[in-house]
Amino acid sequence: MGCAGSKGADSGGSGDAMQDVILRPEVERRMAQRLSHTASPRSYATVLKAVAVFKRRQRAARAARGLGDEAGSTALGGADGSTPPASPSKAATAASREDGIQAGVKLLEQRCKAHGMAVREVGGDGNCQFRSFSHQLYGTEDSHASVRAAAVEHIRDRRDFFGMFFEGDADFETYCRNMASSRTWGDELTLKAVGDAFGCAVHVVTSTEENWHLEYAPEEAKIDKICFLLYISPIHYNSVVNLEE
């Protein structure tokens, strides 16, 4: 396992940080080939187009109900800060959701094993996508904050591209401000942004039944690097390790 550089992973911006990225191109290419041989990946363009359509429909639905952008996110506590009792139907829905998540975890484990990989769990504190990227890039979760910062910086720098997914400047600025904060969940846009910022390809294996292999190609390849992430839909990202090593 080689390392291109000797500085610490938290030194400087993405340019300096790229000197510390762990490079193992032959191993990663074999991993990508095994995945692509089994399931042709959906490109990031297809994924982002679906995201844009979803966001437009969501905003149109809120506008039709006369609700603002904050609608749709319900509070967990009551007026006194207490948690209201769950109705039977809500309890059943929650149980069904948990069953689906556990089934997804098992499915991901099977997919990993079939492709010579194993799950490498990361912390579930809202930073899981960036923790997973940090592990893939540096071999440690600890640089998740700098990976997040690089993603947000890239989104701001490429406003002409990423801006198309938002209603206007205020919507875009709110997104960037929130995404820059620790514990804000990463999404499809940050998957693309991290790949672009570091100039590496990104493969995501999900727990969904169909279209479970996603590939994000960087706008410009800067290093010979492929990152592999696992996504337990709809709640958590993990990293992977290669069983060959």
C-alpha atoms as a PDB file:
ATOM      1  CA  MET A   1       0.000   0.000   0.000  1.00  0.00           C
ATOM      2  CA  GLY A   2       1.695   3.211  -1.134  1.00  0.00           C
ATOM      3  CA  CYS A   3       1.308   6.773   0.065  1.00  0.00           C
ATOM      4  CA  ALA A   4       2.002   9.727  -2.220  1.00  0.00           C
ATOM      5  CA  GLY A   5       3.576  12.160   0.203  1.00  0.00           C
ATOM      6  CA  SER A   6       4.496  12.519   3.830  1.00  0.00           C
ATOM      7  CA  LYS A   7       2.485  15.407   5.297  1.00  0.00           C
ATOM      8  CA  GLY A   8      -0.319  14.846   7.807  1.00  0.00           C
ATOM      9  CA  ALA A   9      -3.820  14.290   6.449  1.00  0.00           C
ATOM     10  CA  ASP A  10      -5.141  17.539   7.952  1.00  0.00           C
ATOM     11  CA  SER A  11      -2.463  19.783   6.453  1.00  0.00           C
ATOM     12  CA  GLY A  12      -3.741  22.621   4.308  1.00  0.00           C
ATOM     13  CA  GLY A  13      -6.453  22.486   1.669  1.00  0.00           C
ATOM     14  CA  SER A  14      -7.355  19.769  -0.795  1.00  0.00           C
ATOM     15  CA  GLY A  15      -4.217  20.430  -2.826  1.00  0.00           C
ATOM     16  CA  ASP A  16      -1.934  19.658   0.124  1.00  0.00           C
ATOM     17  CA  ALA A  17      -4.208  16.902   1.379  1.00  0.00           C
ATOM     18  CA  MET A  18      -3.959  15.080  -1.958  1.00  0.00           C
ATOM     19  CA  GLN A  19      -0.277  14.516  -1.266  1.00  0.00           C
ATOM     20  CA  ASP A  20      -1.327  12.219   1.579  1.00  0.00           C
ATOM     21  CA  VAL A  21      -3.905  10.142  -0.299  1.00  0.00           C
ATOM     22  CA  ILE A  22      -3.228   6.408  -0.199  1.00  0.00           C
ATOM     23  CA  LEU A  23      -2.720   5.176  -3.760  1.00  0.00           C
ATOM     24  CA  ARG A  24      -3.223   1.541  -4.721  1.00  0.00           C
ATOM     25  CA  PRO A  25      -4.399   1.772  -8.347  1.00  0.00           C
ATOM     26  CA  GLU A  26      -4.024  -1.873  -9.352  1.00  0.00           C
ATOM     27  CA  VAL A  27      -6.035  -3.164  -6.401  1.00  0.00           C
ATOM     28  CA  GLU A  28      -8.746  -0.537  -6.851  1.00  0.00           C
ATOM     29  CA  ARG A  29      -9.054  -1.181 -10.579  1.00  0.00           C
ATOM     30  CA  ARG A  30      -9.603  -4.880  -9.895  1.00  0.00           C
ATOM     31  CA  MET A  31     -12.278  -4.009  -7.346  1.00  0.00           C
ATOM     32  CA  ALA A  32     -14.029  -1.723  -9.835  1.00  0.00           C
ATOM     33  CA  GLN A  33     -13.825  -4.350 -12.577  1.00  0.00           C
ATOM     34  CA  ARG A  34     -15.416  -6.991 -10.347  1.00  0.00           C
ATOM     35  CA  LEU A  35     -18.284  -4.652  -9.528  1.00  0.00           C
ATOM     36  CA  SER A  36     -18.841  -3.525 -13.106  1.00  0.00           C
ATOM     37  CA  HIS A  37     -18.741  -7.117 -14.375  1.00  0.00           C
ATOM     38  CA  THR A  38     -21.704  -7.992 -12.145  1.00  0.00           C
ATOM     39  CA  ALA A  39     -23.715  -4.781 -12.271  1.00  0.00           C
ATOM     40  CA  SER A  40     -23.295  -2.021 -14.829  1.00  0.00           C
ATOM     41  CA  PRO A  41     -23.017   1.223 -12.857  1.00  0.00           C
ATOM     42  CA  ARG A  42     -25.442   4.101 -13.139  1.00  0.00           C
ATOM     43  CA  SER A  43     -23.546   7.268 -13.983  1.00  0.00           C
ATOM     44  CA  TYR A  44     -23.594  10.328 -11.771  1.00  0.00           C
ATOM     45  CA  ALA A  45     -25.375  12.263 -14.510  1.00  0.00           C
ATOM     46  CA  THR A  46     -28.356   9.909 -14.289  1.00  0.00           C
ATOM     47  CA  VAL A  47     -28.362  10.087 -10.505  1.00  0.00           C
ATOM     48  CA  LEU A  48     -28.114  13.873 -10.358  1.00  0.00           C
ATOM     49  CA  LYS A  49     -30.864  14.272 -12.948  1.00  0.00           C
ATOM     50  CA  ALA A  50     -33.130  12.164 -10.755  1.00  0.00           C
ATOM     51  CA  VAL A  51     -32.185  14.308  -7.753  1.00  0.00           C
ATOM     52  CA  ALA A  52     -33.080  17.498  -9.614  1.00  0.00           C
ATOM     53  CA  VAL A  53     -36.475  16.117 -10.661  1.00  0.00           C
ATOM     54  CA  PHE A  54     -37.188  14.966  -7.109  1.00  0.00           C
ATOM     55  CA  LYS A  55     -36.327  18.371  -5.633  1.00  0.00           C
ATOM     56  CA  ARG A  56     -38.495  20.211  -8.156  1.00  0.00           C
ATOM     57  CA  ARG A  57     -41.468  17.958  -7.393  1.00  0.00           C
ATOM     58  CA  GLN A  58     -40.917  18.340  -3.644  1.00  0.00           C
ATOM     59  CA  ARG A  59     -40.868  22.135  -3.851  1.00  0.00           C
ATOM     60  CA  ALA A  60     -43.915  22.179  -6.139  1.00  0.00           C
ATOM     61  CA  ALA A  61     -45.825  20.017  -3.658  1.00  0.00           C
ATOM     62  CA  ARG A  62     -44.896  22.325  -0.771  1.00  0.00           C
ATOM     63  CA  ALA A  63     -45.905  25.397  -2.789  1.00  0.00           C
ATOM     64  CA  ALA A  64     -49.268  23.809  -3.627  1.00  0.00           C
ATOM     65  CA  ARG A  65     -49.920  23.292   0.101  1.00  0.00           C
ATOM     66  CA  GLY A  66     -48.802  26.852   0.886  1.00  0.00           C
ATOM     67  CA  LEU A  67     -45.851  25.643   2.936  1.00  0.00           C
ATOM     68  CA  GLY A  68     -42.326  27.016   3.155  1.00  0.00           C
ATOM     69  CA  ASP A  69     -39.030  25.278   2.539  1.00  0.00           C
ATOM     70  CA  GLU A  70     -38.869  24.086   6.127  1.00  0.00           C
ATOM     71  CA  ALA A  71     -42.078  22.073   5.757  1.00  0.00           C
ATOM     72  CA  GLY A  72     -41.673  18.381   5.549  1.00  0.00           C
ATOM     73  CA  SER A  73     -39.214  18.158   8.429  1.00  0.00           C
ATOM     74  CA  THR A  74     -41.331  17.471  11.503  1.00  0.00           C
ATOM     75  CA  ALA A  75     -40.194  18.065  15.066  1.00  0.00           C
ATOM     76  CA  LEU A  76     -39.444  15.021  17.207  1.00  0.00           C
ATOM     77  CA  GLY A  77     -40.645  16.583  20.433  1.00  0.00           C
ATOM     78  CA  GLY A  78     -43.934  18.043  21.577  1.00  0.00           C
ATOM     79  CA  ALA A  79     -44.545  21.630  22.679  1.00  0.00           C
ATOM     80  CA  ASP A  80     -42.995  20.884  26.062  1.00  0.00           C
ATOM     81  CA  GLY A  81     -39.994  19.161  24.510  1.00  0.00           C
ATOM     82  CA  SER A  82     -41.316  15.694  25.270  1.00  0.00           C
ATOM     83  CA  THR A  83     -41.622  12.967  22.665  1.00  0.00           C
ATOM     84  CA  PRO A  84     -45.250  12.278  21.725  1.00  0.00           C
ATOM     85  CA  PRO A  85     -46.375   8.649  21.961  1.00  0.00           C
ATOM     86  CA  ALA A  86     -46.258   6.790  18.673  1.00  0.00           C
ATOM     87  CA  SER A  87     -49.562   5.698  17.223  1.00  0.00           C
ATOM     88  CA  PRO A  88     -49.953   2.002  16.324  1.00  0.00           C
ATOM     89  CA  SER A  89     -49.693   2.821  12.627  1.00  0.00           C
ATOM     90  CA  LYS A  90     -46.503   4.851  13.165  1.00  0.00           C
ATOM     91  CA  ALA A  91     -45.034   2.113  15.332  1.00  0.00           C
ATOM     92  CA  ALA A  92     -45.784  -0.463  12.631  1.00  0.00           C
ATOM     93  CA  THR A  93     -44.227   1.779   9.980  1.00  0.00           C
ATOM     94  CA  ALA A  94     -41.099   2.244  12.104  1.00  0.00           C
ATOM     95  CA  ALA A  95     -40.812  -1.506  12.650  1.00  0.00           C
ATOM     96  CA  SER A  96     -41.199  -2.152   8.928  1.00  0.00           C
ATOM     97  CA  ARG A  97     -38.554   0.472   8.155  1.00  0.00           C
ATOM     98  CA  GLU A  98     -36.132  -1.090  10.629  1.00  0.00           C
ATOM     99  CA  ASP A  99     -36.746  -4.539   9.118  1.00  0.00           C
ATOM    100  CA  GLY A 100     -35.983  -3.094   5.693  1.00  0.00           C
ATOM    101  CA  ILE A 101     -32.765  -1.499   6.933  1.00  0.00           C
ATOM    102  CA  GLN A 102     -31.575  -4.752   8.535  1.00  0.00           C
ATOM    103  CA  ALA A 103     -32.366  -6.637   5.340  1.00  0.00           C
ATOM    104  CA  GLY A 104     -30.331  -4.027   3.461  1.00  0.00           C
ATOM    105  CA  VAL A 105     -27.384  -4.511   5.820  1.00  0.00           C
ATOM    106  CA  LYS A 106     -27.378  -8.255   5.121  1.00  0.00           C
ATOM    107  CA  LEU A 107     -27.714  -7.669   1.380  1.00  0.00           C
ATOM    108  CA  LEU A 108     -24.748  -5.294   1.392  1.00  0.00           C
ATOM    109  CA  GLU A 109     -22.648  -7.821   3.302  1.00  0.00           C
ATOM    110  CA  GLN A 110     -23.504 -10.459   0.683  1.00  0.00           C
ATOM    111  CA  ARG A 111     -22.643  -8.114  -2.174  1.00  0.00           C
ATOM    112  CA  CYS A 112     -19.340  -7.207  -0.569  1.00  0.00           C
ATOM    113  CA  LYS A 113     -18.388 -10.835  -0.016  1.00  0.00           C
ATOM    114  CA  ALA A 114     -19.292 -11.712  -3.605  1.00  0.00           C
ATOM    115  CA  HIS A 115     -16.962  -8.967  -4.852  1.00  0.00           C
ATOM    116  CA  GLY A 116     -13.979  -9.584  -2.597  1.00  0.00           C
ATOM    117  CA  MET A 117     -14.760  -6.764  -0.159  1.00  0.00           C
ATOM    118  CA  ALA A 118     -15.766  -6.425   3.479  1.00  0.00           C
ATOM    119  CA  VAL A 119     -17.656  -3.717   5.325  1.00  0.00           C
ATOM    120  CA  ARG A 120     -15.556  -1.253   7.297  1.00  0.00           C
ATOM    121  CA  GLU A 121     -17.978   0.505   9.640  1.00  0.00           C
ATOM    122  CA  VAL A 122     -17.566   4.204  10.419  1.00  0.00           C
ATOM    123  CA  GLY A 123     -19.089   6.437  13.066  1.00  0.00           C
ATOM    124  CA  GLY A 124     -22.788   7.219  12.750  1.00  0.00           C
ATOM    125  CA  ASP A 125     -22.743  10.845  13.888  1.00  0.00           C
ATOM    126  CA  GLY A 126     -24.071  12.542  10.756  1.00  0.00           C
ATOM    127  CA  ASN A 127     -20.586  12.658   9.213  1.00  0.00           C
ATOM    128  CA  CYS A 128     -20.651   9.075   7.920  1.00  0.00           C
ATOM    129  CA  GLN A 129     -20.291   9.891   4.215  1.00  0.00           C
ATOM    130  CA  PHE A 130     -17.265  12.082   4.881  1.00  0.00           C
ATOM    131  CA  ARG A 131     -15.844   9.607   7.387  1.00  0.00           C
ATOM    132  CA  SER A 132     -16.083   6.902   4.721  1.00  0.00           C
ATOM    133  CA  PHE A 133     -14.341   9.115   2.170  1.00  0.00           C
ATOM    134  CA  SER A 134     -11.660   9.957   4.726  1.00  0.00           C
ATOM    135  CA  HIS A 135     -11.003   6.270   5.353  1.00  0.00           C
ATOM    136  CA  GLN A 136     -10.813   5.570   1.623  1.00  0.00           C
ATOM    137  CA  LEU A 137      -8.482   8.499   0.964  1.00  0.00           C
ATOM    138  CA  TYR A 138      -6.260   8.430   4.052  1.00  0.00           C
ATOM    139  CA  GLY A 139      -6.886   5.116   5.816  1.00  0.00           C
ATOM    140  CA  THR A 140      -8.502   6.901   8.784  1.00  0.00           C
ATOM    141  CA  GLU A 141     -11.864   8.510   9.549  1.00  0.00           C
ATOM    142  CA  ASP A 142     -10.186  11.381  11.366  1.00  0.00           C
ATOM    143  CA  SER A 143      -9.926  13.739   8.372  1.00  0.00           C
ATOM    144  CA  HIS A 144     -13.668  13.801   7.685  1.00  0.00           C
ATOM    145  CA  ALA A 145     -13.888  17.538   8.458  1.00  0.00           C
ATOM    146  CA  SER A 146     -11.287  18.451   5.834  1.00  0.00           C
ATOM    147  CA  VAL A 147     -13.005  16.206   3.272  1.00  0.00           C
ATOM    148  CA  ARG A 148     -16.311  17.956   4.006  1.00  0.00           C
ATOM    149  CA  ALA A 149     -14.644  21.355   3.644  1.00  0.00           C
ATOM    150  CA  ALA A 150     -13.145  20.374   0.290  1.00  0.00           C
ATOM    151  CA  ALA A 151     -16.583  19.250  -0.955  1.00  0.00           C
ATOM    152  CA  VAL A 152     -18.313  22.473   0.051  1.00  0.00           C
ATOM    153  CA  GLU A 153     -15.491  24.580  -1.391  1.00  0.00           C
ATOM    154  CA  HIS A 154     -15.814  22.732  -4.698  1.00  0.00           C
ATOM    155  CA  ILE A 155     -19.598  23.194  -4.770  1.00  0.00           C
ATOM    156  CA  ARG A 156     -19.146  26.924  -4.243  1.00  0.00           C
ATOM    157  CA  ASP A 157     -16.408  27.110  -6.882  1.00  0.00           C
ATOM    158  CA  ARG A 158     -18.639  25.262  -9.394  1.00  0.00           C
ATOM    159  CA  ARG A 159     -21.750  27.253  -8.671  1.00  0.00           C
ATOM    160  CA  ASP A 160     -22.578  27.326 -12.380  1.00  0.00           C
ATOM    161  CA  PHE A 161     -23.055  23.542 -12.294  1.00  0.00           C
ATOM    162  CA  PHE A 162     -24.346  22.816  -8.787  1.00  0.00           C
ATOM    163  CA  GLY A 163     -26.582  25.869  -8.764  1.00  0.00           C
ATOM    164  CA  MET A 164     -28.974  24.182 -11.184  1.00  0.00           C
ATOM    165  CA  PHE A 165     -30.228  21.970  -8.349  1.00  0.00           C
ATOM    166  CA  PHE A 166     -31.484  24.921  -6.314  1.00  0.00           C
ATOM    167  CA  GLU A 167     -34.271  27.471  -6.640  1.00  0.00           C
ATOM    168  CA  GLY A 168     -31.991  30.476  -6.388  1.00  0.00           C
ATOM    169  CA  ASP A 169     -29.037  32.102  -4.655  1.00  0.00           C
ATOM    170  CA  ALA A 170     -30.626  31.988  -1.202  1.00  0.00           C
ATOM    171  CA  ASP A 171     -31.435  28.292  -1.537  1.00  0.00           C
ATOM    172  CA  PHE A 172     -27.882  27.559  -2.724  1.00  0.00           C
ATOM    173  CA  GLU A 173     -26.280  29.561   0.100  1.00  0.00           C
ATOM    174  CA  THR A 174     -28.445  27.874   2.723  1.00  0.00           C
ATOM    175  CA  TYR A 175     -27.428  24.464   1.409  1.00  0.00           C
ATOM    176  CA  CYS A 176     -23.709  25.322   1.440  1.00  0.00           C
ATOM    177  CA  ARG A 177     -23.909  26.838   4.917  1.00  0.00           C
ATOM    178  CA  ASN A 178     -25.692  23.781   6.306  1.00  0.00           C
ATOM    179  CA  MET A 179     -23.437  21.308   4.509  1.00  0.00           C
ATOM    180  CA  ALA A 180     -20.339  23.019   5.893  1.00  0.00           C
ATOM    181  CA  SER A 181     -21.540  22.197   9.416  1.00  0.00           C
ATOM    182  CA  SER A 182     -20.468  18.993  11.119  1.00  0.00           C
ATOM    183  CA  ARG A 183     -23.166  16.306  11.399  1.00  0.00           C
ATOM    184  CA  THR A 184     -25.071  17.474   8.308  1.00  0.00           C
ATOM    185  CA  TRP A 185     -25.696  14.370   6.203  1.00  0.00           C
ATOM    186  CA  GLY A 186     -23.839  14.139   2.916  1.00  0.00           C
ATOM    187  CA  ASP A 187     -25.907  13.556  -0.220  1.00  0.00           C
ATOM    188  CA  GLU A 188     -25.609  12.874  -3.944  1.00  0.00           C
ATOM    189  CA  LEU A 189     -24.172  16.329  -4.583  1.00  0.00           C
ATOM    190  CA  THR A 190     -21.362  15.853  -2.065  1.00  0.00           C
ATOM    191  CA  LEU A 191     -20.556  12.427  -3.524  1.00  0.00           C
ATOM    192  CA  LYS A 192     -19.967  14.196  -6.822  1.00  0.00           C
ATOM    193  CA  ALA A 193     -18.165  17.124  -5.167  1.00  0.00           C
ATOM    194  CA  VAL A 194     -15.648  14.983  -3.254  1.00  0.00           C
ATOM    195  CA  GLY A 195     -14.813  13.021  -6.402  1.00  0.00           C
ATOM    196  CA  ASP A 196     -14.298  16.260  -8.328  1.00  0.00           C
ATOM    197  CA  ALA A 197     -12.336  17.999  -5.569  1.00  0.00           C
ATOM    198  CA  PHE A 198      -9.855  15.144  -5.238  1.00  0.00           C
ATOM    199  CA  GLY A 199     -10.005  14.176  -8.920  1.00  0.00           C
ATOM    200  CA  CYS A 200     -10.842  10.542  -8.206  1.00  0.00           C
ATOM    201  CA  ALA A 201     -13.570   8.133  -9.278  1.00  0.00           C
ATOM    202  CA  VAL A 202     -16.197   7.106  -6.740  1.00  0.00           C
ATOM    203  CA  HIS A 203     -18.121   3.810  -6.668  1.00  0.00           C
ATOM    204  CA  VAL A 204     -21.103   3.444  -4.339  1.00  0.00           C
ATOM    205  CA  VAL A 205     -22.678   0.065  -3.585  1.00  0.00           C
ATOM    206  CA  THR A 206     -26.156   0.474  -2.102  1.00  0.00           C
ATOM    207  CA  SER A 207     -28.621  -1.776  -0.297  1.00  0.00           C
ATOM    208  CA  THR A 208     -31.374  -1.199  -2.853  1.00  0.00           C
ATOM    209  CA  GLU A 209     -32.707  -4.132  -4.877  1.00  0.00           C
ATOM    210  CA  GLU A 210     -32.068  -2.491  -8.260  1.00  0.00           C
ATOM    211  CA  ASN A 211     -29.534   0.005  -9.635  1.00  0.00           C
ATOM    212  CA  TRP A 212     -27.332  -0.700  -6.627  1.00  0.00           C
ATOM    213  CA  HIS A 213     -23.993   0.200  -8.220  1.00  0.00           C
ATOM    214  CA  LEU A 214     -23.404   3.927  -8.786  1.00  0.00           C
ATOM    215  CA  GLU A 215     -20.317   5.474 -10.345  1.00  0.00           C
ATOM    216  CA  TYR A 216     -19.237   9.106 -10.111  1.00  0.00           C
ATOM    217  CA  ALA A 217     -16.518  10.111 -12.559  1.00  0.00           C
ATOM    218  CA  PRO A 218     -14.503  13.245 -11.706  1.00  0.00           C
ATOM    219  CA  GLU A 219     -14.652  16.223 -14.028  1.00  0.00           C
ATOM    220  CA  GLU A 220     -10.844  16.029 -14.150  1.00  0.00           C
ATOM    221  CA  ALA A 221      -8.732  13.044 -13.061  1.00  0.00           C
ATOM    222  CA  LYS A 222      -6.026  14.381 -10.747  1.00  0.00           C
ATOM    223  CA  ILE A 223      -4.832  11.183  -9.055  1.00  0.00           C
ATOM    224  CA  ASP A 224      -5.002   7.483  -9.893  1.00  0.00           C
ATOM    225  CA  LYS A 225      -7.515   6.748  -7.169  1.00  0.00           C
ATOM    226  CA  ILE A 226     -10.919   5.064  -6.803  1.00  0.00           C
ATOM    227  CA  CYS A 227     -13.001   5.430  -3.644  1.00  0.00           C
ATOM    228  CA  PHE A 228     -15.520   2.752  -2.649  1.00  0.00           C
ATOM    229  CA  LEU A 229     -18.443   3.526  -0.356  1.00  0.00           C
ATOM    230  CA  LEU A 230     -21.364   1.460   0.912  1.00  0.00           C
ATOM    231  CA  TYR A 231     -24.792   2.986   1.438  1.00  0.00           C
ATOM    232  CA  ILE A 232     -27.366   1.446   3.768  1.00  0.00           C
ATOM    233  CA  SER A 233     -30.468   3.124   2.363  1.00  0.00           C
ATOM    234  CA  PRO A 234     -31.650   5.536   3.617  1.00  0.00           C
ATOM    235  CA  ILE A 235     -29.549   6.140   6.713  1.00  0.00           C
ATOM    236  CA  HIS A 236     -25.816   5.413   6.683  1.00  0.00           C
ATOM    237  CA  TYR A 237     -22.580   5.221   4.694  1.00  0.00           C
ATOM    238  CA  ASN A 238     -19.686   2.875   5.430  1.00  0.00           C
ATOM    239  CA  SER A 239     -16.291   2.316   3.909  1.00  0.00           C
ATOM    240  CA  VAL A 240     -14.933  -0.992   2.578  1.00  0.00           C
ATOM    241  CA  VAL A 241     -11.740  -2.977   2.782  1.00  0.00           C
ATOM    242  CA  ASN A 242     -10.404  -5.247   0.073  1.00  0.00           C
ATOM    243  CA  LEU A 243     -10.210  -8.913   1.097  1.00  0.00           C
ATOM    244  CA  GLU A 244      -7.176  -9.394  -1.145  1.00  0.00           C
ATOM    245  CA  GLU A 245      -5.065  -7.427   1.330  1.00  0.00           C
END
